[in-house]
N, C-alpha and C. Protein backbone atom coordinates (compact mmCIF):
# COMPACT_ATOMS: atom_id res chain seq x y z
N MET A 1 0.84 -1.19 0.00
CA MET A 1 0.00 0.00 0.00
C MET A 1 0.87 1.25 0.00
N ASN A 2 0.43 2.26 -0.72
CA ASN A 2 1.13 3.53 -0.66
C ASN A 2 0.51 4.39 0.45
N LYS A 3 1.10 5.55 0.69
CA LYS A 3 0.66 6.40 1.81
C LYS A 3 -0.80 6.81 1.67
N LYS A 4 -1.22 7.19 0.47
CA LYS A 4 -2.61 7.61 0.27
C LYS A 4 -3.56 6.47 0.61
N GLU A 5 -3.25 5.26 0.18
CA GLU A 5 -4.10 4.10 0.46
C GLU A 5 -4.17 3.81 1.96
N VAL A 6 -3.03 3.96 2.64
CA VAL A 6 -3.00 3.73 4.09
C VAL A 6 -3.86 4.78 4.80
N ILE A 7 -3.71 6.04 4.40
CA ILE A 7 -4.52 7.10 5.01
C ILE A 7 -6.00 6.87 4.73
N ASP A 8 -6.35 6.53 3.50
CA ASP A 8 -7.76 6.27 3.17
C ASP A 8 -8.33 5.14 4.03
N GLN A 9 -7.55 4.08 4.20
CA GLN A 9 -8.01 2.95 5.01
C GLN A 9 -8.15 3.36 6.48
N ALA A 10 -7.19 4.11 7.00
CA ALA A 10 -7.26 4.58 8.39
C ALA A 10 -8.49 5.47 8.60
N VAL A 11 -8.76 6.35 7.65
CA VAL A 11 -9.92 7.24 7.75
C VAL A 11 -11.22 6.43 7.77
N GLU A 12 -11.31 5.41 6.95
CA GLU A 12 -12.52 4.56 6.96
C GLU A 12 -12.72 3.91 8.32
N HIS A 13 -11.64 3.43 8.92
CA HIS A 13 -11.75 2.83 10.25
C HIS A 13 -12.19 3.87 11.28
N LEU A 14 -11.63 5.07 11.20
CA LEU A 14 -12.02 6.13 12.13
C LEU A 14 -13.50 6.49 11.94
N LYS A 15 -13.94 6.61 10.71
CA LYS A 15 -15.35 6.93 10.43
C LYS A 15 -16.29 5.85 10.96
N ASN A 16 -15.81 4.60 10.97
CA ASN A 16 -16.62 3.48 11.45
C ASN A 16 -16.56 3.30 12.96
N GLY A 17 -15.88 4.21 13.66
CA GLY A 17 -15.82 4.13 15.12
C GLY A 17 -14.80 3.14 15.65
N SER A 18 -13.83 2.79 14.83
CA SER A 18 -12.81 1.82 15.23
C SER A 18 -11.59 2.52 15.84
N ILE A 19 -10.76 1.72 16.48
CA ILE A 19 -9.51 2.19 17.07
C ILE A 19 -8.37 1.79 16.14
N ILE A 20 -7.46 2.73 15.91
CA ILE A 20 -6.28 2.45 15.09
C ILE A 20 -5.02 2.68 15.92
N LEU A 21 -3.93 2.08 15.48
CA LEU A 21 -2.61 2.30 16.06
C LEU A 21 -1.85 3.16 15.07
N CYS A 22 -1.48 4.36 15.52
CA CYS A 22 -1.03 5.40 14.60
C CYS A 22 0.22 6.12 15.11
N PRO A 23 1.18 6.41 14.23
CA PRO A 23 2.31 7.23 14.65
C PRO A 23 1.88 8.68 14.82
N THR A 24 2.40 9.35 15.83
CA THR A 24 2.13 10.77 16.04
C THR A 24 3.46 11.51 15.95
N ASP A 25 3.48 12.73 16.41
CA ASP A 25 4.73 13.50 16.44
C ASP A 25 5.60 13.12 17.64
N THR A 26 5.05 12.31 18.55
CA THR A 26 5.80 11.93 19.75
C THR A 26 6.10 10.43 19.75
N ILE A 27 5.08 9.63 19.98
CA ILE A 27 5.21 8.17 20.03
C ILE A 27 4.02 7.57 19.28
N TRP A 28 4.00 6.24 19.18
CA TRP A 28 2.83 5.57 18.63
C TRP A 28 1.67 5.80 19.58
N GLY A 29 0.47 5.89 19.02
CA GLY A 29 -0.70 6.12 19.86
C GLY A 29 -1.90 5.32 19.40
N LEU A 30 -2.77 5.02 20.36
CA LEU A 30 -4.08 4.47 20.05
C LEU A 30 -4.98 5.65 19.73
N SER A 31 -5.66 5.59 18.61
CA SER A 31 -6.45 6.73 18.17
C SER A 31 -7.85 6.31 17.75
N CYS A 32 -8.77 7.26 17.92
CA CYS A 32 -10.14 7.10 17.44
C CYS A 32 -10.72 8.48 17.19
N ASP A 33 -11.90 8.52 16.61
CA ASP A 33 -12.61 9.77 16.35
C ASP A 33 -12.97 10.41 17.69
N ALA A 34 -12.44 11.59 17.95
CA ALA A 34 -12.66 12.27 19.23
C ALA A 34 -14.09 12.78 19.37
N THR A 35 -14.87 12.77 18.29
CA THR A 35 -16.25 13.25 18.37
C THR A 35 -17.25 12.10 18.52
N ASN A 36 -16.77 10.88 18.51
CA ASN A 36 -17.63 9.69 18.55
C ASN A 36 -17.59 9.07 19.95
N LYS A 37 -18.67 9.24 20.71
CA LYS A 37 -18.74 8.76 22.10
C LYS A 37 -18.54 7.24 22.19
N VAL A 38 -19.10 6.49 21.26
CA VAL A 38 -18.97 5.03 21.28
C VAL A 38 -17.51 4.63 21.04
N ALA A 39 -16.85 5.28 20.09
CA ALA A 39 -15.44 4.98 19.81
C ALA A 39 -14.56 5.31 21.01
N VAL A 40 -14.84 6.44 21.66
CA VAL A 40 -14.07 6.83 22.85
C VAL A 40 -14.27 5.79 23.95
N GLN A 41 -15.49 5.29 24.11
CA GLN A 41 -15.75 4.27 25.13
C GLN A 41 -14.99 2.98 24.81
N LYS A 42 -14.93 2.61 23.54
CA LYS A 42 -14.14 1.43 23.14
C LYS A 42 -12.68 1.61 23.56
N LEU A 43 -12.17 2.81 23.39
CA LEU A 43 -10.78 3.10 23.74
C LEU A 43 -10.58 3.02 25.26
N LEU A 44 -11.52 3.57 26.01
CA LEU A 44 -11.46 3.47 27.48
C LEU A 44 -11.46 2.00 27.90
N ASP A 45 -12.33 1.21 27.30
CA ASP A 45 -12.42 -0.22 27.64
C ASP A 45 -11.14 -0.96 27.26
N LEU A 46 -10.60 -0.69 26.09
CA LEU A 46 -9.37 -1.35 25.64
C LEU A 46 -8.22 -1.08 26.59
N LYS A 47 -8.08 0.16 27.01
CA LYS A 47 -6.97 0.53 27.89
C LYS A 47 -7.23 0.19 29.36
N LYS A 48 -8.48 -0.18 29.67
CA LYS A 48 -8.88 -0.42 31.06
C LYS A 48 -8.60 0.85 31.87
N ARG A 49 -9.03 1.95 31.31
CA ARG A 49 -8.71 3.27 31.83
C ARG A 49 -9.85 3.85 32.65
N ASP A 50 -9.50 4.56 33.71
CA ASP A 50 -10.46 5.26 34.54
C ASP A 50 -11.19 6.28 33.66
N PRO A 51 -12.53 6.22 33.60
CA PRO A 51 -13.26 7.15 32.74
C PRO A 51 -13.17 8.60 33.19
N ASN A 52 -12.67 8.85 34.40
CA ASN A 52 -12.51 10.22 34.87
C ASN A 52 -11.24 10.88 34.33
N LYS A 53 -10.35 10.08 33.72
CA LYS A 53 -9.14 10.64 33.12
C LYS A 53 -9.46 11.03 31.68
N SER A 54 -8.97 12.17 31.28
CA SER A 54 -9.24 12.63 29.92
C SER A 54 -8.13 12.17 28.97
N PHE A 55 -8.33 12.45 27.71
CA PHE A 55 -7.39 12.08 26.66
C PHE A 55 -6.79 13.33 26.03
N ILE A 56 -5.71 13.15 25.28
CA ILE A 56 -5.17 14.23 24.46
C ILE A 56 -5.82 14.12 23.08
N ILE A 57 -6.29 15.25 22.61
CA ILE A 57 -6.94 15.35 21.31
C ILE A 57 -5.92 15.94 20.33
N LEU A 58 -5.78 15.31 19.18
CA LEU A 58 -4.86 15.82 18.16
C LEU A 58 -5.64 16.62 17.13
N LEU A 59 -5.10 17.80 16.80
CA LEU A 59 -5.69 18.72 15.83
C LEU A 59 -4.58 19.15 14.87
N ASN A 60 -4.95 19.65 13.71
CA ASN A 60 -3.88 20.09 12.80
C ASN A 60 -4.14 21.44 12.13
N SER A 61 -5.10 22.19 12.65
CA SER A 61 -5.36 23.50 12.03
C SER A 61 -5.96 24.46 13.05
N ASP A 62 -5.81 25.74 12.77
CA ASP A 62 -6.43 26.75 13.62
C ASP A 62 -7.95 26.58 13.63
N ALA A 63 -8.52 26.22 12.48
CA ALA A 63 -9.97 26.03 12.40
C ALA A 63 -10.42 24.90 13.33
N MET A 64 -9.66 23.81 13.36
CA MET A 64 -10.01 22.70 14.25
C MET A 64 -9.93 23.13 15.71
N ILE A 65 -8.91 23.92 16.04
CA ILE A 65 -8.79 24.43 17.41
C ILE A 65 -10.00 25.29 17.75
N ASN A 66 -10.36 26.19 16.86
CA ASN A 66 -11.51 27.07 17.11
C ASN A 66 -12.82 26.30 17.26
N ASN A 67 -12.92 25.14 16.61
CA ASN A 67 -14.10 24.29 16.77
C ASN A 67 -14.12 23.55 18.10
N CYS A 68 -12.96 23.32 18.69
CA CYS A 68 -12.86 22.47 19.89
C CYS A 68 -12.64 23.23 21.19
N ILE A 69 -12.25 24.49 21.11
CA ILE A 69 -11.95 25.30 22.30
C ILE A 69 -12.83 26.55 22.26
N LYS A 70 -13.54 26.80 23.37
CA LYS A 70 -14.46 27.95 23.41
C LYS A 70 -13.72 29.27 23.27
N ASP A 71 -12.78 29.54 24.16
CA ASP A 71 -12.03 30.79 24.12
C ASP A 71 -10.55 30.48 24.31
N MET A 72 -9.77 30.75 23.31
CA MET A 72 -8.35 30.44 23.33
C MET A 72 -7.56 31.69 23.69
N PRO A 73 -6.89 31.71 24.86
CA PRO A 73 -6.07 32.87 25.23
C PRO A 73 -4.93 33.07 24.23
N SER A 74 -4.52 34.31 24.04
CA SER A 74 -3.46 34.60 23.07
C SER A 74 -2.15 33.90 23.41
N VAL A 75 -1.88 33.69 24.70
CA VAL A 75 -0.65 32.99 25.08
C VAL A 75 -0.65 31.56 24.53
N ALA A 76 -1.81 30.93 24.45
CA ALA A 76 -1.88 29.58 23.90
C ALA A 76 -1.52 29.57 22.42
N TRP A 77 -2.04 30.57 21.68
CA TRP A 77 -1.68 30.68 20.26
C TRP A 77 -0.17 30.91 20.12
N ASP A 78 0.40 31.73 20.98
CA ASP A 78 1.84 32.00 20.92
C ASP A 78 2.64 30.72 21.16
N ILE A 79 2.23 29.93 22.15
CA ILE A 79 2.94 28.68 22.45
C ILE A 79 2.89 27.75 21.24
N ILE A 80 1.72 27.61 20.64
CA ILE A 80 1.58 26.75 19.46
C ILE A 80 2.44 27.26 18.31
N ASP A 81 2.39 28.55 18.06
CA ASP A 81 3.13 29.12 16.92
C ASP A 81 4.64 29.08 17.11
N LEU A 82 5.11 29.26 18.34
CA LEU A 82 6.55 29.38 18.59
C LEU A 82 7.24 28.08 18.98
N SER A 83 6.47 27.08 19.38
CA SER A 83 7.07 25.83 19.85
C SER A 83 7.68 25.04 18.70
N ASN A 84 8.87 24.52 18.95
CA ASN A 84 9.50 23.65 17.95
C ASN A 84 9.54 22.20 18.43
N GLU A 85 8.76 21.91 19.47
CA GLU A 85 8.64 20.54 19.98
C GLU A 85 7.18 20.28 20.34
N PRO A 86 6.79 19.01 20.41
CA PRO A 86 5.40 18.70 20.73
C PRO A 86 5.02 19.16 22.15
N ILE A 87 3.98 19.99 22.23
CA ILE A 87 3.47 20.47 23.52
C ILE A 87 1.96 20.30 23.52
N SER A 88 1.46 19.62 24.54
CA SER A 88 0.02 19.48 24.72
C SER A 88 -0.46 20.54 25.68
N LEU A 89 -1.60 21.13 25.37
CA LEU A 89 -2.17 22.18 26.19
C LEU A 89 -3.48 21.71 26.80
N ILE A 90 -3.69 22.04 28.08
CA ILE A 90 -4.96 21.76 28.75
C ILE A 90 -5.65 23.10 28.94
N MET A 91 -6.90 23.18 28.49
CA MET A 91 -7.63 24.44 28.58
C MET A 91 -9.09 24.17 28.92
N ASP A 92 -9.73 25.17 29.48
CA ASP A 92 -11.16 25.11 29.76
C ASP A 92 -11.95 25.34 28.47
N GLY A 93 -13.21 24.95 28.51
CA GLY A 93 -14.11 25.29 27.41
C GLY A 93 -14.09 24.34 26.25
N ALA A 94 -14.10 23.03 26.51
CA ALA A 94 -14.11 22.05 25.43
C ALA A 94 -15.43 22.12 24.65
N LEU A 95 -15.32 22.05 23.35
CA LEU A 95 -16.47 22.03 22.45
C LEU A 95 -16.31 20.87 21.47
N TYR A 96 -17.41 20.41 20.90
CA TYR A 96 -17.43 19.55 19.72
C TYR A 96 -17.01 18.10 19.97
N VAL A 97 -16.08 17.84 20.88
CA VAL A 97 -15.62 16.46 21.09
C VAL A 97 -16.60 15.70 21.98
N ALA A 98 -16.53 14.39 21.94
CA ALA A 98 -17.40 13.54 22.75
C ALA A 98 -17.20 13.85 24.23
N GLU A 99 -18.29 13.82 24.98
CA GLU A 99 -18.21 14.18 26.41
C GLU A 99 -17.29 13.26 27.20
N ASN A 100 -17.15 12.00 26.79
CA ASN A 100 -16.26 11.09 27.50
C ASN A 100 -14.80 11.23 27.07
N ALA A 101 -14.52 12.19 26.19
CA ALA A 101 -13.14 12.48 25.77
C ALA A 101 -12.56 13.67 26.53
N ILE A 102 -13.40 14.35 27.30
CA ILE A 102 -12.92 15.52 28.03
C ILE A 102 -12.91 15.24 29.53
N HIS A 103 -12.21 16.07 30.26
CA HIS A 103 -12.14 15.94 31.71
C HIS A 103 -13.48 16.31 32.32
N LYS A 104 -13.76 15.76 33.49
CA LYS A 104 -15.05 16.04 34.14
C LYS A 104 -15.24 17.52 34.45
N ASP A 105 -14.12 18.29 34.51
CA ASP A 105 -14.25 19.73 34.77
C ASP A 105 -14.50 20.54 33.49
N GLY A 106 -14.65 19.84 32.36
CA GLY A 106 -14.94 20.52 31.10
C GLY A 106 -13.71 20.96 30.33
N SER A 107 -12.54 20.65 30.84
CA SER A 107 -11.31 21.03 30.14
C SER A 107 -10.97 20.00 29.06
N ILE A 108 -10.13 20.42 28.16
CA ILE A 108 -9.69 19.57 27.07
C ILE A 108 -8.17 19.65 26.97
N ALA A 109 -7.55 18.51 26.72
CA ALA A 109 -6.11 18.47 26.46
C ALA A 109 -5.94 18.25 24.96
N PHE A 110 -5.13 19.08 24.33
CA PHE A 110 -4.96 18.93 22.89
C PHE A 110 -3.53 19.27 22.48
N ARG A 111 -3.18 18.79 21.28
CA ARG A 111 -1.87 19.09 20.72
C ARG A 111 -2.04 19.36 19.23
N MET A 112 -1.40 20.41 18.79
CA MET A 112 -1.41 20.77 17.36
C MET A 112 -0.33 19.96 16.66
N ILE A 113 -0.73 19.19 15.67
CA ILE A 113 0.20 18.42 14.85
C ILE A 113 0.55 19.28 13.64
N LYS A 114 1.84 19.49 13.42
CA LYS A 114 2.26 20.42 12.38
C LYS A 114 2.80 19.76 11.11
N SER A 115 3.11 18.47 11.18
CA SER A 115 3.65 17.79 10.01
C SER A 115 3.60 16.28 10.21
N GLY A 116 3.99 15.55 9.19
CA GLY A 116 4.10 14.10 9.29
C GLY A 116 2.83 13.35 8.93
N PHE A 117 2.89 12.05 9.13
CA PHE A 117 1.78 11.17 8.78
C PHE A 117 0.49 11.58 9.48
N CYS A 118 0.59 11.84 10.77
CA CYS A 118 -0.60 12.18 11.55
C CYS A 118 -1.25 13.48 11.04
N PHE A 119 -0.43 14.44 10.63
CA PHE A 119 -0.95 15.68 10.04
C PHE A 119 -1.78 15.35 8.80
N ASP A 120 -1.22 14.50 7.94
CA ASP A 120 -1.92 14.12 6.71
C ASP A 120 -3.20 13.35 7.01
N LEU A 121 -3.16 12.49 8.01
CA LEU A 121 -4.35 11.75 8.41
C LEU A 121 -5.45 12.70 8.90
N LEU A 122 -5.08 13.65 9.74
CA LEU A 122 -6.05 14.63 10.24
C LEU A 122 -6.62 15.49 9.11
N THR A 123 -5.79 15.84 8.15
CA THR A 123 -6.24 16.63 7.00
C THR A 123 -7.32 15.87 6.23
N LYS A 124 -7.09 14.59 6.00
CA LYS A 124 -8.05 13.77 5.25
C LYS A 124 -9.31 13.50 6.08
N PHE A 125 -9.17 13.24 7.38
CA PHE A 125 -10.30 12.91 8.24
C PHE A 125 -11.16 14.14 8.55
N ARG A 126 -10.52 15.29 8.68
CA ARG A 126 -11.19 16.58 8.89
C ARG A 126 -11.90 16.70 10.23
N LYS A 127 -11.49 15.87 11.18
CA LYS A 127 -12.02 15.95 12.54
C LYS A 127 -10.88 15.62 13.50
N PRO A 128 -11.00 16.04 14.76
CA PRO A 128 -9.96 15.71 15.73
C PRO A 128 -9.96 14.22 16.07
N ILE A 129 -8.79 13.72 16.41
CA ILE A 129 -8.69 12.34 16.88
C ILE A 129 -8.05 12.33 18.27
N ILE A 130 -8.34 11.28 18.99
CA ILE A 130 -7.70 11.06 20.28
C ILE A 130 -6.38 10.37 20.02
N SER A 131 -5.40 10.67 20.86
CA SER A 131 -4.18 9.89 20.88
C SER A 131 -3.85 9.60 22.34
N THR A 132 -3.64 8.34 22.62
CA THR A 132 -3.26 7.93 23.97
C THR A 132 -2.21 6.83 23.86
N SER A 133 -1.40 6.71 24.86
CA SER A 133 -0.31 5.74 24.80
C SER A 133 -0.85 4.33 24.56
N PRO A 134 -0.14 3.54 23.77
CA PRO A 134 -0.61 2.21 23.41
C PRO A 134 -0.25 1.15 24.46
N ASN A 135 -0.85 1.30 25.62
CA ASN A 135 -0.61 0.37 26.72
C ASN A 135 -1.87 0.30 27.58
N PHE A 136 -1.90 -0.69 28.48
CA PHE A 136 -2.98 -0.75 29.45
C PHE A 136 -2.66 0.25 30.56
N SER A 137 -3.69 0.86 31.12
CA SER A 137 -3.49 1.86 32.18
C SER A 137 -2.61 1.29 33.29
N GLY A 138 -1.66 2.12 33.70
CA GLY A 138 -0.76 1.73 34.78
C GLY A 138 0.52 1.06 34.31
N GLU A 139 0.57 0.64 33.05
CA GLU A 139 1.78 0.01 32.51
C GLU A 139 2.70 1.08 31.93
N LYS A 140 3.97 0.71 31.79
CA LYS A 140 4.96 1.60 31.20
C LYS A 140 4.58 1.94 29.76
N THR A 141 4.80 3.19 29.38
CA THR A 141 4.48 3.64 28.03
C THR A 141 5.51 3.12 27.03
N PRO A 142 5.08 2.34 26.04
CA PRO A 142 6.03 1.88 25.02
C PRO A 142 6.37 3.01 24.06
N LEU A 143 7.64 3.17 23.78
CA LEU A 143 8.08 4.26 22.92
C LEU A 143 8.28 3.83 21.47
N ARG A 144 8.45 2.53 21.25
CA ARG A 144 8.66 2.01 19.90
C ARG A 144 7.57 0.99 19.56
N LEU A 145 7.31 0.83 18.30
CA LEU A 145 6.27 -0.10 17.85
C LEU A 145 6.53 -1.51 18.37
N ASN A 146 7.77 -1.94 18.34
CA ASN A 146 8.11 -3.30 18.80
C ASN A 146 7.85 -3.52 20.28
N ASP A 147 7.77 -2.44 21.05
CA ASP A 147 7.56 -2.55 22.49
C ASP A 147 6.08 -2.62 22.88
N ILE A 148 5.19 -2.43 21.93
CA ILE A 148 3.76 -2.42 22.22
C ILE A 148 3.27 -3.85 22.45
N ASN A 149 2.52 -4.03 23.52
CA ASN A 149 1.96 -5.32 23.91
C ASN A 149 1.17 -5.93 22.75
N ALA A 150 1.43 -7.20 22.46
CA ALA A 150 0.75 -7.89 21.37
C ALA A 150 -0.76 -7.92 21.58
N GLU A 151 -1.20 -7.96 22.83
CA GLU A 151 -2.64 -7.96 23.12
C GLU A 151 -3.29 -6.64 22.68
N ILE A 152 -2.57 -5.54 22.88
CA ILE A 152 -3.06 -4.23 22.41
C ILE A 152 -3.14 -4.24 20.89
N LYS A 153 -2.07 -4.66 20.24
CA LYS A 153 -2.04 -4.69 18.77
C LYS A 153 -3.18 -5.53 18.20
N ALA A 154 -3.49 -6.64 18.87
CA ALA A 154 -4.54 -7.54 18.38
C ALA A 154 -5.93 -6.93 18.50
N LYS A 155 -6.09 -5.92 19.35
CA LYS A 155 -7.41 -5.35 19.60
C LYS A 155 -7.70 -4.08 18.78
N VAL A 156 -6.75 -3.64 17.97
CA VAL A 156 -7.01 -2.47 17.13
C VAL A 156 -7.51 -2.94 15.76
N ALA A 157 -8.32 -2.11 15.13
CA ALA A 157 -8.87 -2.46 13.82
C ALA A 157 -7.85 -2.31 12.71
N PHE A 158 -6.91 -1.38 12.89
CA PHE A 158 -5.94 -1.09 11.84
C PHE A 158 -4.67 -0.53 12.45
N GLN A 159 -3.54 -1.01 11.95
CA GLN A 159 -2.24 -0.51 12.39
C GLN A 159 -1.54 0.12 11.20
N ILE A 160 -1.13 1.36 11.36
CA ILE A 160 -0.39 2.03 10.30
C ILE A 160 0.95 1.29 10.14
N PRO A 161 1.31 0.91 8.92
CA PRO A 161 2.60 0.24 8.72
C PRO A 161 3.76 1.13 9.19
N GLU A 162 4.75 0.50 9.78
CA GLU A 162 5.86 1.23 10.40
C GLU A 162 6.60 2.13 9.41
N GLU A 163 6.64 1.76 8.15
CA GLU A 163 7.39 2.59 7.19
C GLU A 163 6.79 3.98 7.00
N PHE A 164 5.57 4.19 7.46
CA PHE A 164 4.93 5.50 7.35
C PHE A 164 5.06 6.33 8.62
N ALA A 165 5.76 5.81 9.61
CA ALA A 165 5.85 6.50 10.91
C ALA A 165 6.58 7.83 10.82
N GLY A 166 7.61 7.92 10.01
CA GLY A 166 8.35 9.18 9.91
C GLY A 166 9.06 9.50 11.21
N GLU A 167 9.37 10.78 11.39
CA GLU A 167 10.08 11.22 12.59
C GLU A 167 9.13 11.41 13.75
N MET A 168 9.46 10.77 14.86
CA MET A 168 8.73 10.96 16.11
C MET A 168 9.76 11.33 17.16
N SER A 169 9.36 12.11 18.15
CA SER A 169 10.31 12.54 19.18
C SER A 169 10.76 11.38 20.06
N GLY A 170 9.94 10.33 20.15
CA GLY A 170 10.30 9.17 20.97
C GLY A 170 10.03 9.36 22.45
N LYS A 171 9.31 10.40 22.80
CA LYS A 171 8.95 10.63 24.21
C LYS A 171 7.62 11.35 24.26
N PRO A 172 6.88 11.18 25.35
CA PRO A 172 5.60 11.88 25.47
C PRO A 172 5.80 13.39 25.42
N SER A 173 4.76 14.10 25.02
CA SER A 173 4.84 15.56 24.91
C SER A 173 4.88 16.23 26.28
N LYS A 174 5.39 17.45 26.27
CA LYS A 174 5.25 18.30 27.45
C LYS A 174 3.78 18.65 27.57
N ILE A 175 3.32 18.90 28.79
CA ILE A 175 1.92 19.30 28.99
C ILE A 175 1.88 20.58 29.81
N LEU A 176 1.17 21.58 29.29
CA LEU A 176 0.96 22.85 29.98
C LEU A 176 -0.53 23.07 30.18
N LYS A 177 -0.90 23.58 31.35
CA LYS A 177 -2.29 23.97 31.60
C LYS A 177 -2.36 25.48 31.49
N ILE A 178 -3.31 25.96 30.69
CA ILE A 178 -3.46 27.40 30.48
C ILE A 178 -4.85 27.81 30.96
N LYS A 179 -4.87 28.71 31.93
CA LYS A 179 -6.14 29.22 32.45
C LYS A 179 -6.69 30.29 31.50
N PRO A 180 -7.99 30.58 31.61
CA PRO A 180 -8.58 31.61 30.73
C PRO A 180 -7.89 32.97 30.81
N ASN A 181 -7.27 33.26 31.97
CA ASN A 181 -6.57 34.55 32.11
C ASN A 181 -5.16 34.51 31.51
N GLY A 182 -4.76 33.37 30.95
CA GLY A 182 -3.45 33.24 30.33
C GLY A 182 -2.36 32.69 31.24
N GLU A 183 -2.70 32.42 32.50
CA GLU A 183 -1.71 31.86 33.43
C GLU A 183 -1.34 30.44 33.00
N VAL A 184 -0.03 30.15 32.96
CA VAL A 184 0.46 28.86 32.47
C VAL A 184 1.07 28.07 33.63
N THR A 185 0.69 26.80 33.73
CA THR A 185 1.25 25.89 34.72
C THR A 185 1.84 24.68 33.98
N ILE A 186 3.06 24.29 34.34
CA ILE A 186 3.68 23.11 33.73
C ILE A 186 3.15 21.86 34.44
N ILE A 187 2.56 20.95 33.69
CA ILE A 187 2.03 19.69 34.23
C ILE A 187 3.05 18.57 34.03
N ARG A 188 3.67 18.50 32.84
CA ARG A 188 4.70 17.49 32.56
C ARG A 188 5.78 18.13 31.72
N LYS A 189 7.04 18.00 32.19
CA LYS A 189 8.19 18.57 31.47
C LYS A 189 8.65 17.66 30.37
């Protein structure tokens, strides 16, 4: 399969509410349609994850951000525009995504994808996707495809072939919480 065929197949799985194993800008991730409550529940069940924990939502455009965040402080736009490494932001005012994809306090964690396979996937899908580490809750986060538990791999509908992974940082993203007044707190370095 070529890249276009892989993306088309991944998009069909996402549209059908399935979970895929996908390279991101950081590490491999389990992904699903962030707007589909049933798909998000499948992901929670697969990971055996506490439903009170939220997910990181991947976006690839200003328009997608504006659809998913009620009011974006200017400091958040500056961080996205100036960052040269993957940074996830937690903000209040989640919109558009499935209610079980956001934190119980109404906040949303998201990361802007600027290039690579995942960027192209988001462009074709035209909706945000969830990305979460490909492990069972409480287990060590696998950084390479070969380190992912075979049981996890067996439970996804589609796995992006490794040759399309491209450059990944090989570590989870930094996480910053940004309050509506623009105050920034570091959650994960």
